Amino acid sequence: MMQADRIPPAEVAPVVIDGMRYEVVHWGKERGLEQNGGYIAAIDVASGQERWLLKIYDVQYDPVMEEDVQDIFIKSMTKPFFSKKLKIVDELGRKYIVDTTDRSIQLE
């Protein structure tokens, strides 16, 4: 019996703040991370080098269910005007504020 996998996550446009480009990393497991979804990467615009990776939230996997249907991806990432913070919304509608200067995360 065939089962349908979940639809792929939506593409999220990168955000640039002070020479750093912030990108959503959907496929964390392909990079050896513990989960898919919930990560952002900071890339230096001038050099193209990744400077850091930050996990925004945890995905709790139920071992009885298929993992791919449990993945929770970032749906949107925006920068409020005159701010060095990112507003991130996941597929469950949870909202996070990430301060790019100290990498702190707050649930909105």
PDB file of N, CA and C in Angstrom:
ATOM      1  N   MET A   1       0.852  -1.176   0.000  1.00  0.00           N
ATOM      2  CA  MET A   1       0.000   0.000   0.000  1.00  0.00           C
ATOM      3  C   MET A   1       0.898   1.239   0.000  1.00  0.00           C
ATOM      4  N   MET A   2       0.618   2.177  -0.887  1.00  0.00           N
ATOM      5  CA  MET A   2       1.394   3.410  -0.952  1.00  0.00           C
ATOM      6  C   MET A   2       0.814   4.440  -0.003  1.00  0.00           C
ATOM      7  N   GLN A   3       1.703   5.212   0.573  1.00  0.00           N
ATOM      8  CA  GLN A   3       1.273   6.303   1.434  1.00  0.00           C
ATOM      9  C   GLN A   3       1.812   7.608   0.867  1.00  0.00           C
ATOM     10  N   ALA A   4       1.019   8.641   0.958  1.00  0.00           N
ATOM     11  CA  ALA A   4       1.450   9.949   0.465  1.00  0.00           C
ATOM     12  C   ALA A   4       2.311  10.633   1.519  1.00  0.00           C
ATOM     13  N   ASP A   5       3.444  11.144   1.073  1.00  0.00           N
ATOM     14  CA  ASP A   5       4.279  11.939   1.965  1.00  0.00           C
ATOM     15  C   ASP A   5       3.705  13.339   2.038  1.00  0.00           C
ATOM     16  N   ARG A   6       4.148  14.101   3.005  1.00  0.00           N
ATOM     17  CA  ARG A   6       3.684  15.480   3.152  1.00  0.00           C
ATOM     18  C   ARG A   6       4.187  16.317   1.973  1.00  0.00           C
ATOM     19  N   ILE A   7       3.507  17.413   1.725  1.00  0.00           N
ATOM     20  CA  ILE A   7       3.952  18.305   0.658  1.00  0.00           C
ATOM     21  C   ILE A   7       5.226  19.017   1.115  1.00  0.00           C
ATOM     22  N   PRO A   8       6.088  19.385   0.170  1.00  0.00           N
ATOM     23  CA  PRO A   8       7.330  20.047   0.561  1.00  0.00           C
ATOM     24  C   PRO A   8       7.050  21.416   1.199  1.00  0.00           C
ATOM     25  N   PRO A   9       7.984  21.884   2.021  1.00  0.00           N
ATOM     26  CA  PRO A   9       7.783  23.196   2.645  1.00  0.00           C
ATOM     27  C   PRO A   9       7.881  24.313   1.613  1.00  0.00           C
ATOM     28  N   ALA A  10       7.237  25.417   1.915  1.00  0.00           N
ATOM     29  CA  ALA A  10       7.287  26.587   1.036  1.00  0.00           C
ATOM     30  C   ALA A  10       8.675  27.202   1.080  1.00  0.00           C
ATOM     31  N   GLU A  11       9.095  27.770  -0.044  1.00  0.00           N
ATOM     32  CA  GLU A  11      10.351  28.505  -0.072  1.00  0.00           C
ATOM     33  C   GLU A  11      10.180  29.784   0.735  1.00  0.00           C
ATOM     34  N   VAL A  12      11.187  30.132   1.499  1.00  0.00           N
ATOM     35  CA  VAL A  12      11.151  31.342   2.320  1.00  0.00           C
ATOM     36  C   VAL A  12      12.290  32.244   1.846  1.00  0.00           C
ATOM     37  N   ALA A  13      11.950  33.474   1.486  1.00  0.00           N
ATOM     38  CA  ALA A  13      12.949  34.411   0.976  1.00  0.00           C
ATOM     39  C   ALA A  13      13.947  34.779   2.068  1.00  0.00           C
ATOM     40  N   PRO A  14      15.238  34.879   1.705  1.00  0.00           N
ATOM     41  CA  PRO A  14      16.230  35.299   2.696  1.00  0.00           C
ATOM     42  C   PRO A  14      16.031  36.767   3.078  1.00  0.00           C
ATOM     43  N   VAL A  15      16.581  37.131   4.233  1.00  0.00           N
ATOM     44  CA  VAL A  15      16.502  38.507   4.736  1.00  0.00           C
ATOM     45  C   VAL A  15      17.936  38.979   4.974  1.00  0.00           C
ATOM     46  N   VAL A  16      18.255  40.206   4.530  1.00  0.00           N
ATOM     47  CA  VAL A  16      19.594  40.764   4.723  1.00  0.00           C
ATOM     48  C   VAL A  16      19.531  41.874   5.759  1.00  0.00           C
ATOM     49  N   ILE A  17      20.433  41.786   6.746  1.00  0.00           N
ATOM     50  CA  ILE A  17      20.567  42.804   7.784  1.00  0.00           C
ATOM     51  C   ILE A  17      22.054  43.050   7.992  1.00  0.00           C
ATOM     52  N   ASP A  18      22.491  44.274   7.776  1.00  0.00           N
ATOM     53  CA  ASP A  18      23.883  44.669   8.039  1.00  0.00           C
ATOM     54  C   ASP A  18      24.917  43.708   7.466  1.00  0.00           C
ATOM     55  N   GLY A  19      24.782  43.373   6.201  1.00  0.00           N
ATOM     56  CA  GLY A  19      25.782  42.544   5.537  1.00  0.00           C
ATOM     57  C   GLY A  19      25.692  41.051   5.808  1.00  0.00           C
ATOM     58  N   MET A  20      24.659  40.638   6.533  1.00  0.00           N
ATOM     59  CA  MET A  20      24.440  39.208   6.770  1.00  0.00           C
ATOM     60  C   MET A  20      23.119  38.807   6.119  1.00  0.00           C
ATOM     61  N   ARG A  21      23.137  37.675   5.425  1.00  0.00           N
ATOM     62  CA  ARG A  21      21.927  37.132   4.813  1.00  0.00           C
ATOM     63  C   ARG A  21      21.453  35.966   5.675  1.00  0.00           C
ATOM     64  N   TYR A  22      20.217  36.035   6.097  1.00  0.00           N
ATOM     65  CA  TYR A  22      19.632  34.998   6.939  1.00  0.00           C
ATOM     66  C   TYR A  22      18.735  34.135   6.068  1.00  0.00           C
ATOM     67  N   GLU A  23      19.007  32.835   6.078  1.00  0.00           N
ATOM     68  CA  GLU A  23      18.270  31.884   5.248  1.00  0.00           C
ATOM     69  C   GLU A  23      17.663  30.794   6.113  1.00  0.00           C
ATOM     70  N   VAL A  24      16.509  30.329   5.712  1.00  0.00           N
ATOM     71  CA  VAL A  24      15.868  29.192   6.369  1.00  0.00           C
ATOM     72  C   VAL A  24      16.538  27.916   5.872  1.00  0.00           C
ATOM     73  N   VAL A  25      16.820  27.009   6.792  1.00  0.00           N
ATOM     74  CA  VAL A  25      17.387  25.700   6.465  1.00  0.00           C
ATOM     75  C   VAL A  25      16.283  24.676   6.714  1.00  0.00           C
ATOM     76  N   HIS A  26      15.664  24.211   5.622  1.00  0.00           N
ATOM     77  CA  HIS A  26      14.568  23.255   5.776  1.00  0.00           C
ATOM     78  C   HIS A  26      15.058  21.841   6.095  1.00  0.00           C
ATOM     79  N   TRP A  27      16.098  21.409   5.424  1.00  0.00           N
ATOM     80  CA  TRP A  27      16.488  19.996   5.485  1.00  0.00           C
ATOM     81  C   TRP A  27      17.701  19.809   6.387  1.00  0.00           C
ATOM     82  N   GLY A  28      17.489  19.996   7.680  1.00  0.00           N
ATOM     83  CA  GLY A  28      18.558  19.876   8.656  1.00  0.00           C
ATOM     84  C   GLY A  28      19.189  18.495   8.705  1.00  0.00           C
ATOM     85  N   LYS A  29      18.413  17.455   8.548  1.00  0.00           N
ATOM     86  CA  LYS A  29      18.948  16.089   8.630  1.00  0.00           C
ATOM     87  C   LYS A  29      19.955  15.814   7.516  1.00  0.00           C
ATOM     88  N   GLU A  30      19.796  16.461   6.364  1.00  0.00           N
ATOM     89  CA  GLU A  30      20.766  16.310   5.282  1.00  0.00           C
ATOM     90  C   GLU A  30      22.113  16.914   5.666  1.00  0.00           C
ATOM     91  N   ARG A  31      22.112  17.809   6.642  1.00  0.00           N
ATOM     92  CA  ARG A  31      23.345  18.439   7.124  1.00  0.00           C
ATOM     93  C   ARG A  31      23.854  17.773   8.405  1.00  0.00           C
ATOM     94  N   GLY A  32      23.242  16.655   8.787  1.00  0.00           N
ATOM     95  CA  GLY A  32      23.672  15.943   9.978  1.00  0.00           C
ATOM     96  C   GLY A  32      23.060  16.475  11.261  1.00  0.00           C
ATOM     97  N   LEU A  33      22.045  17.329  11.146  1.00  0.00           N
ATOM     98  CA  LEU A  33      21.377  17.884  12.314  1.00  0.00           C
ATOM     99  C   LEU A  33      20.277  16.936  12.780  1.00  0.00           C
ATOM    100  N   GLU A  34      19.734  17.192  13.954  1.00  0.00           N
ATOM    101  CA  GLU A  34      18.794  16.251  14.571  1.00  0.00           C
ATOM    102  C   GLU A  34      17.370  16.326  14.041  1.00  0.00           C
ATOM    103  N   GLN A  35      17.034  17.377  13.294  1.00  0.00           N
ATOM    104  CA  GLN A  35      15.660  17.508  12.814  1.00  0.00           C
ATOM    105  C   GLN A  35      15.626  18.272  11.496  1.00  0.00           C
ATOM    106  N   ASN A  36      14.526  18.097  10.784  1.00  0.00           N
ATOM    107  CA  ASN A  36      14.232  18.932   9.622  1.00  0.00           C
ATOM    108  C   ASN A  36      13.374  20.085  10.111  1.00  0.00           C
ATOM    109  N   GLY A  37      13.617  21.268   9.572  1.00  0.00           N
ATOM    110  CA  GLY A  37      12.849  22.449   9.969  1.00  0.00           C
ATOM    111  C   GLY A  37      13.353  23.052  11.263  1.00  0.00           C
ATOM    112  N   GLY A  38      13.079  24.355  11.405  1.00  0.00           N
ATOM    113  CA  GLY A  38      13.389  25.030  12.649  1.00  0.00           C
ATOM    114  C   GLY A  38      14.759  25.663  12.733  1.00  0.00           C
ATOM    115  N   TYR A  39      15.508  25.688  11.643  1.00  0.00           N
ATOM    116  CA  TYR A  39      16.850  26.268  11.655  1.00  0.00           C
ATOM    117  C   TYR A  39      16.936  27.473  10.718  1.00  0.00           C
ATOM    118  N   ILE A  40      17.805  28.425  11.095  1.00  0.00           N
ATOM    119  CA  ILE A  40      18.200  29.482  10.169  1.00  0.00           C
ATOM    120  C   ILE A  40      19.723  29.524  10.137  1.00  0.00           C
ATOM    121  N   ALA A  41      20.260  29.990   9.005  1.00  0.00           N
ATOM    122  CA  ALA A  41      21.700  30.151   8.843  1.00  0.00           C
ATOM    123  C   ALA A  41      21.997  31.612   8.560  1.00  0.00           C
ATOM    124  N   ALA A  42      23.123  32.087   9.098  1.00  0.00           N
ATOM    125  CA  ALA A  42      23.600  33.450   8.839  1.00  0.00           C
ATOM    126  C   ALA A  42      24.796  33.347   7.902  1.00  0.00           C
ATOM    127  N   ILE A  43      24.690  34.016   6.757  1.00  0.00           N
ATOM    128  CA  ILE A  43      25.729  33.952   5.741  1.00  0.00           C
ATOM    129  C   ILE A  43      26.263  35.357   5.493  1.00  0.00           C
ATOM    130  N   ASP A  44      27.588  35.501   5.553  1.00  0.00           N
ATOM    131  CA  ASP A  44      28.222  36.785   5.262  1.00  0.00           C
ATOM    132  C   ASP A  44      28.032  37.083   3.771  1.00  0.00           C
ATOM    133  N   VAL A  45      27.397  38.212   3.469  1.00  0.00           N
ATOM    134  CA  VAL A  45      27.092  38.550   2.079  1.00  0.00           C
ATOM    135  C   VAL A  45      28.374  38.721   1.266  1.00  0.00           C
ATOM    136  N   ALA A  46      29.378  39.371   1.817  1.00  0.00           N
ATOM    137  CA  ALA A  46      30.612  39.650   1.078  1.00  0.00           C
ATOM    138  C   ALA A  46      31.387  38.382   0.724  1.00  0.00           C
ATOM    139  N   SER A  47      31.516  37.467   1.661  1.00  0.00           N
ATOM    140  CA  SER A  47      32.332  36.268   1.426  1.00  0.00           C
ATOM    141  C   SER A  47      31.519  35.056   0.980  1.00  0.00           C
ATOM    142  N   GLY A  48      30.215  35.061   1.289  1.00  0.00           N
ATOM    143  CA  GLY A  48      29.380  33.903   0.984  1.00  0.00           C
ATOM    144  C   GLY A  48      29.535  32.778   1.984  1.00  0.00           C
ATOM    145  N   GLN A  49      30.302  32.997   3.054  1.00  0.00           N
ATOM    146  CA  GLN A  49      30.534  31.952   4.046  1.00  0.00           C
ATOM    147  C   GLN A  49      29.464  31.967   5.128  1.00  0.00           C
ATOM    148  N   GLU A  50      29.042  30.764   5.504  1.00  0.00           N
ATOM    149  CA  GLU A  50      28.102  30.636   6.606  1.00  0.00           C
ATOM    150  C   GLU A  50      28.837  30.956   7.908  1.00  0.00           C
ATOM    151  N   ARG A  51      28.267  31.856   8.708  1.00  0.00           N
ATOM    152  CA  ARG A  51      28.892  32.263   9.974  1.00  0.00           C
ATOM    153  C   ARG A  51      28.348  31.477  11.156  1.00  0.00           C
ATOM    154  N   TRP A  52      27.041  31.221  11.148  1.00  0.00           N
ATOM    155  CA  TRP A  52      26.455  30.436  12.226  1.00  0.00           C
ATOM    156  C   TRP A  52      25.121  29.852  11.807  1.00  0.00           C
ATOM    157  N   LEU A  53      24.694  28.867  12.592  1.00  0.00           N
ATOM    158  CA  LEU A  53      23.421  28.172  12.392  1.00  0.00           C
ATOM    159  C   LEU A  53      22.694  28.211  13.726  1.00  0.00           C
ATOM    160  N   LEU A  54      21.397  28.471  13.701  1.00  0.00           N
ATOM    161  CA  LEU A  54      20.636  28.597  14.937  1.00  0.00           C
ATOM    162  C   LEU A  54      19.349  27.785  14.852  1.00  0.00           C
ATOM    163  N   LYS A  55      19.113  26.958  15.878  1.00  0.00           N
ATOM    164  CA  LYS A  55      17.851  26.215  15.952  1.00  0.00           C
ATOM    165  C   LYS A  55      16.839  27.101  16.674  1.00  0.00           C
ATOM    166  N   ILE A  56      15.705  27.375  16.027  1.00  0.00           N
ATOM    167  CA  ILE A  56      14.674  28.252  16.571  1.00  0.00           C
ATOM    168  C   ILE A  56      13.745  27.489  17.505  1.00  0.00           C
ATOM    169  N   TYR A  57      13.413  26.264  17.171  1.00  0.00           N
ATOM    170  CA  TYR A  57      12.505  25.452  17.994  1.00  0.00           C
ATOM    171  C   TYR A  57      12.833  23.976  17.810  1.00  0.00           C
ATOM    172  N   ASP A  58      12.358  23.172  18.751  1.00  0.00           N
ATOM    173  CA  ASP A  58      12.534  21.719  18.694  1.00  0.00           C
ATOM    174  C   ASP A  58      11.331  21.069  18.026  1.00  0.00           C
ATOM    175  N   VAL A  59      11.599  20.020  17.278  1.00  0.00           N
ATOM    176  CA  VAL A  59      10.546  19.164  16.727  1.00  0.00           C
ATOM    177  C   VAL A  59      10.596  17.859  17.526  1.00  0.00           C
ATOM    178  N   GLN A  60       9.481  17.517  18.150  1.00  0.00           N
ATOM    179  CA  GLN A  60       9.397  16.273  18.933  1.00  0.00           C
ATOM    180  C   GLN A  60       8.829  15.174  18.032  1.00  0.00           C
ATOM    181  N   TYR A  61       9.635  14.159  17.752  1.00  0.00           N
ATOM    182  CA  TYR A  61       9.212  13.070  16.871  1.00  0.00           C
ATOM    183  C   TYR A  61       8.647  11.909  17.683  1.00  0.00           C
ATOM    184  N   ASP A  62       7.502  11.403  17.244  1.00  0.00           N
ATOM    185  CA  ASP A  62       6.901  10.203  17.815  1.00  0.00           C
ATOM    186  C   ASP A  62       7.486   9.022  17.044  1.00  0.00           C
ATOM    187  N   PRO A  63       8.195   8.105  17.709  1.00  0.00           N
ATOM    188  CA  PRO A  63       8.854   7.006  16.994  1.00  0.00           C
ATOM    189  C   PRO A  63       7.888   6.045  16.300  1.00  0.00           C
ATOM    190  N   VAL A  64       6.621   6.099  16.650  1.00  0.00           N
ATOM    191  CA  VAL A  64       5.634   5.214  16.039  1.00  0.00           C
ATOM    192  C   VAL A  64       5.200   5.737  14.664  1.00  0.00           C
ATOM    193  N   MET A  65       5.283   7.029  14.467  1.00  0.00           N
ATOM    194  CA  MET A  65       4.844   7.651  13.208  1.00  0.00           C
ATOM    195  C   MET A  65       6.028   7.882  12.267  1.00  0.00           C
ATOM    196  N   GLU A  66       5.720   8.019  10.972  1.00  0.00           N
ATOM    197  CA  GLU A  66       6.751   8.372  10.012  1.00  0.00           C
ATOM    198  C   GLU A  66       7.269   9.766  10.338  1.00  0.00           C
ATOM    199  N   GLU A  67       8.581   9.932  10.291  1.00  0.00           N
ATOM    200  CA  GLU A  67       9.168  11.216  10.665  1.00  0.00           C
ATOM    201  C   GLU A  67       8.799  12.348   9.713  1.00  0.00           C
ATOM    202  N   ASP A  68       8.756  12.057   8.407  1.00  0.00           N
ATOM    203  CA  ASP A  68       8.551  13.156   7.453  1.00  0.00           C
ATOM    204  C   ASP A  68       7.205  13.856   7.628  1.00  0.00           C
ATOM    205  N   VAL A  69       6.207  13.164   8.121  1.00  0.00           N
ATOM    206  CA  VAL A  69       4.909  13.809   8.330  1.00  0.00           C
ATOM    207  C   VAL A  69       4.878  14.604   9.630  1.00  0.00           C
ATOM    208  N   GLN A  70       5.913  14.450  10.450  1.00  0.00           N
ATOM    209  CA  GLN A  70       5.992  15.169  11.714  1.00  0.00           C
ATOM    210  C   GLN A  70       6.880  16.415  11.635  1.00  0.00           C
ATOM    211  N   ASP A  71       7.629  16.568  10.544  1.00  0.00           N
ATOM    212  CA  ASP A  71       8.490  17.734  10.388  1.00  0.00           C
ATOM    213  C   ASP A  71       7.663  19.011  10.456  1.00  0.00           C
ATOM    214  N   ILE A  72       8.198  20.025  11.113  1.00  0.00           N
ATOM    215  CA  ILE A  72       7.543  21.337  11.209  1.00  0.00           C
ATOM    216  C   ILE A  72       8.527  22.352  10.653  1.00  0.00           C
ATOM    217  N   PHE A  73       8.143  22.980   9.559  1.00  0.00           N
ATOM    218  CA  PHE A  73       9.044  23.894   8.860  1.00  0.00           C
ATOM    219  C   PHE A  73       8.704  25.357   9.149  1.00  0.00           C
ATOM    220  N   ILE A  74       9.688  26.197   8.918  1.00  0.00           N
ATOM    221  CA  ILE A  74       9.483  27.646   8.998  1.00  0.00           C
ATOM    222  C   ILE A  74       8.685  28.061   7.773  1.00  0.00           C
ATOM    223  N   LYS A  75       7.617  28.801   8.009  1.00  0.00           N
ATOM    224  CA  LYS A  75       6.716  29.228   6.935  1.00  0.00           C
ATOM    225  C   LYS A  75       7.058  30.626   6.415  1.00  0.00           C
ATOM    226  N   SER A  76       7.504  31.510   7.320  1.00  0.00           N
ATOM    227  CA  SER A  76       7.866  32.861   6.891  1.00  0.00           C
ATOM    228  C   SER A  76       8.930  33.443   7.804  1.00  0.00           C
ATOM    229  N   MET A  77       9.705  34.376   7.229  1.00  0.00           N
ATOM    230  CA  MET A  77      10.732  35.086   7.973  1.00  0.00           C
ATOM    231  C   MET A  77      10.762  36.514   7.438  1.00  0.00           C
ATOM    232  N   THR A  78      10.561  37.476   8.322  1.00  0.00           N
ATOM    233  CA  THR A  78      10.543  38.880   7.929  1.00  0.00           C
ATOM    234  C   THR A  78      11.348  39.712   8.914  1.00  0.00           C
ATOM    235  N   LYS A  79      11.671  40.926   8.492  1.00  0.00           N
ATOM    236  CA  LYS A  79      12.387  41.859   9.345  1.00  0.00           C
ATOM    237  C   LYS A  79      11.506  43.083   9.546  1.00  0.00           C
ATOM    238  N   PRO A  80      11.141  43.365  10.788  1.00  0.00           N
ATOM    239  CA  PRO A  80      10.397  44.599  11.044  1.00  0.00           C
ATOM    240  C   PRO A  80      11.270  45.807  10.689  1.00  0.00           C
ATOM    241  N   PHE A  81      10.641  46.918  10.301  1.00  0.00           N
ATOM    242  CA  PHE A  81      11.379  48.127   9.952  1.00  0.00           C
ATOM    243  C   PHE A  81      12.261  48.580  11.104  1.00  0.00           C
ATOM    244  N   PHE A  82      13.433  49.109  10.771  1.00  0.00           N
ATOM    245  CA  PHE A  82      14.367  49.684  11.743  1.00  0.00           C
ATOM    246  C   PHE A  82      14.694  48.719  12.881  1.00  0.00           C
ATOM    247  N   SER A  83      14.916  47.473  12.532  1.00  0.00           N
ATOM    248  CA  SER A  83      15.185  46.464  13.556  1.00  0.00           C
ATOM    249  C   SER A  83      16.267  45.517  13.076  1.00  0.00           C
ATOM    250  N   LYS A  84      16.987  44.935  14.006  1.00  0.00           N
ATOM    251  CA  LYS A  84      17.961  43.894  13.692  1.00  0.00           C
ATOM    252  C   LYS A  84      17.426  42.545  14.148  1.00  0.00           C
ATOM    253  N   LYS A  85      16.119  42.451  14.195  1.00  0.00           N
ATOM    254  CA  LYS A  85      15.464  41.215  14.625  1.00  0.00           C
ATOM    255  C   LYS A  85      14.728  40.581  13.454  1.00  0.00           C
ATOM    256  N   LEU A  86      14.508  39.289  13.570  1.00  0.00           N
ATOM    257  CA  LEU A  86      13.743  38.546  12.583  1.00  0.00           C
ATOM    258  C   LEU A  86      12.462  38.044  13.228  1.00  0.00           C
ATOM    259  N   LYS A  87      11.384  38.131  12.487  1.00  0.00           N
ATOM    260  CA  LYS A  87      10.126  37.533  12.932  1.00  0.00           C
ATOM    261  C   LYS A  87       9.936  36.263  12.116  1.00  0.00           C
ATOM    262  N   ILE A  88       9.815  35.145  12.825  1.00  0.00           N
ATOM    263  CA  ILE A  88       9.709  33.837  12.187  1.00  0.00           C
ATOM    264  C   ILE A  88       8.391  33.192  12.596  1.00  0.00           C
ATOM    265  N   VAL A  89       7.706  32.609  11.609  1.00  0.00           N
ATOM    266  CA  VAL A  89       6.452  31.893  11.862  1.00  0.00           C
ATOM    267  C   VAL A  89       6.620  30.476  11.336  1.00  0.00           C
ATOM    268  N   ASP A  90       6.265  29.487  12.181  1.00  0.00           N
ATOM    269  CA  ASP A  90       6.361  28.098  11.728  1.00  0.00           C
ATOM    270  C   ASP A  90       5.003  27.630  11.185  1.00  0.00           C
ATOM    271  N   GLU A  91       4.978  26.412  10.687  1.00  0.00           N
ATOM    272  CA  GLU A  91       3.755  25.875  10.070  1.00  0.00           C
ATOM    273  C   GLU A  91       2.605  25.702  11.055  1.00  0.00           C
ATOM    274  N   LEU A  92       2.897  25.687  12.335  1.00  0.00           N
ATOM    275  CA  LEU A  92       1.838  25.586  13.342  1.00  0.00           C
ATOM    276  C   LEU A  92       1.305  26.952  13.745  1.00  0.00           C
ATOM    277  N   GLY A  93       1.880  28.021  13.173  1.00  0.00           N
ATOM    278  CA  GLY A  93       1.439  29.370  13.492  1.00  0.00           C
ATOM    279  C   GLY A  93       2.147  29.990  14.684  1.00  0.00           C
ATOM    280  N   ARG A  94       3.104  29.280  15.260  1.00  0.00           N
ATOM    281  CA  ARG A  94       3.862  29.843  16.379  1.00  0.00           C
ATOM    282  C   ARG A  94       4.792  30.923  15.834  1.00  0.00           C
ATOM    283  N   LYS A  95       4.934  32.012  16.607  1.00  0.00           N
ATOM    284  CA  LYS A  95       5.732  33.158  16.177  1.00  0.00           C
ATOM    285  C   LYS A  95       6.911  33.343  17.115  1.00  0.00           C
ATOM    286  N   TYR A  96       8.067  33.599  16.512  1.00  0.00           N
ATOM    287  CA  TYR A  96       9.310  33.766  17.255  1.00  0.00           C
ATOM    288  C   TYR A  96       9.976  35.068  16.830  1.00  0.00           C
ATOM    289  N   ILE A  97      10.663  35.701  17.769  1.00  0.00           N
ATOM    290  CA  ILE A  97      11.478  36.870  17.474  1.00  0.00           C
ATOM    291  C   ILE A  97      12.926  36.483  17.752  1.00  0.00           C
ATOM    292  N   VAL A  98      13.785  36.640  16.741  1.00  0.00           N
ATOM    293  CA  VAL A  98      15.195  36.313  16.875  1.00  0.00           C
ATOM    294  C   VAL A  98      15.986  37.607  16.807  1.00  0.00           C
ATOM    295  N   ASP A  99      16.756  37.874  17.844  1.00  0.00           N
ATOM    296  CA  ASP A  99      17.647  39.027  17.866  1.00  0.00           C
ATOM    297  C   ASP A  99      18.938  38.584  17.186  1.00  0.00           C
ATOM    298  N   THR A 100      19.243  39.163  16.034  1.00  0.00           N
ATOM    299  CA  THR A 100      20.415  38.715  15.266  1.00  0.00           C
ATOM    300  C   THR A 100      21.729  39.161  15.909  1.00  0.00           C
ATOM    301  N   THR A 101      21.696  40.112  16.824  1.00  0.00           N
ATOM    302  CA  THR A 101      22.934  40.555  17.455  1.00  0.00           C
ATOM    303  C   THR A 101      23.430  39.573  18.513  1.00  0.00           C
ATOM    304  N   ASP A 102      22.517  38.981  19.291  1.00  0.00           N
ATOM    305  CA  ASP A 102      22.944  38.047  20.336  1.00  0.00           C
ATOM    306  C   ASP A 102      22.357  36.633  20.158  1.00  0.00           C
ATOM    307  N   ARG A 103      21.602  36.437  19.082  1.00  0.00           N
ATOM    308  CA  ARG A 103      20.997  35.136  18.723  1.00  0.00           C
ATOM    309  C   ARG A 103      19.999  34.631  19.761  1.00  0.00           C
ATOM    310  N   SER A 104      19.414  35.563  20.502  1.00  0.00           N
ATOM    311  CA  SER A 104      18.383  35.161  21.464  1.00  0.00           C
ATOM    312  C   SER A 104      17.053  34.957  20.740  1.00  0.00           C
ATOM    313  N   ILE A 105      16.230  34.082  21.299  1.00  0.00           N
ATOM    314  CA  ILE A 105      14.946  33.726  20.692  1.00  0.00           C
ATOM    315  C   ILE A 105      13.859  33.922  21.733  1.00  0.00           C
ATOM    316  N   GLN A 106      12.795  34.604  21.310  1.00  0.00           N
ATOM    317  CA  GLN A 106      11.631  34.784  22.193  1.00  0.00           C
ATOM    318  C   GLN A 106      10.390  34.319  21.439  1.00  0.00           C
ATOM    319  N   LEU A 107       9.512  33.641  22.165  1.00  0.00           N
ATOM    320  CA  LEU A 107       8.213  33.276  21.610  1.00  0.00           C
ATOM    321  C   LEU A 107       7.337  34.522  21.679  1.00  0.00           C
ATOM    322  N   GLU A 108       6.751  34.882  20.568  1.00  0.00           N
ATOM    323  CA  GLU A 108       5.903  36.081  20.537  1.00  0.00           C
ATOM    324  C   GLU A 108       4.516  35.786  21.007  1.00  0.00           C
TER     325      GLU A 108
END
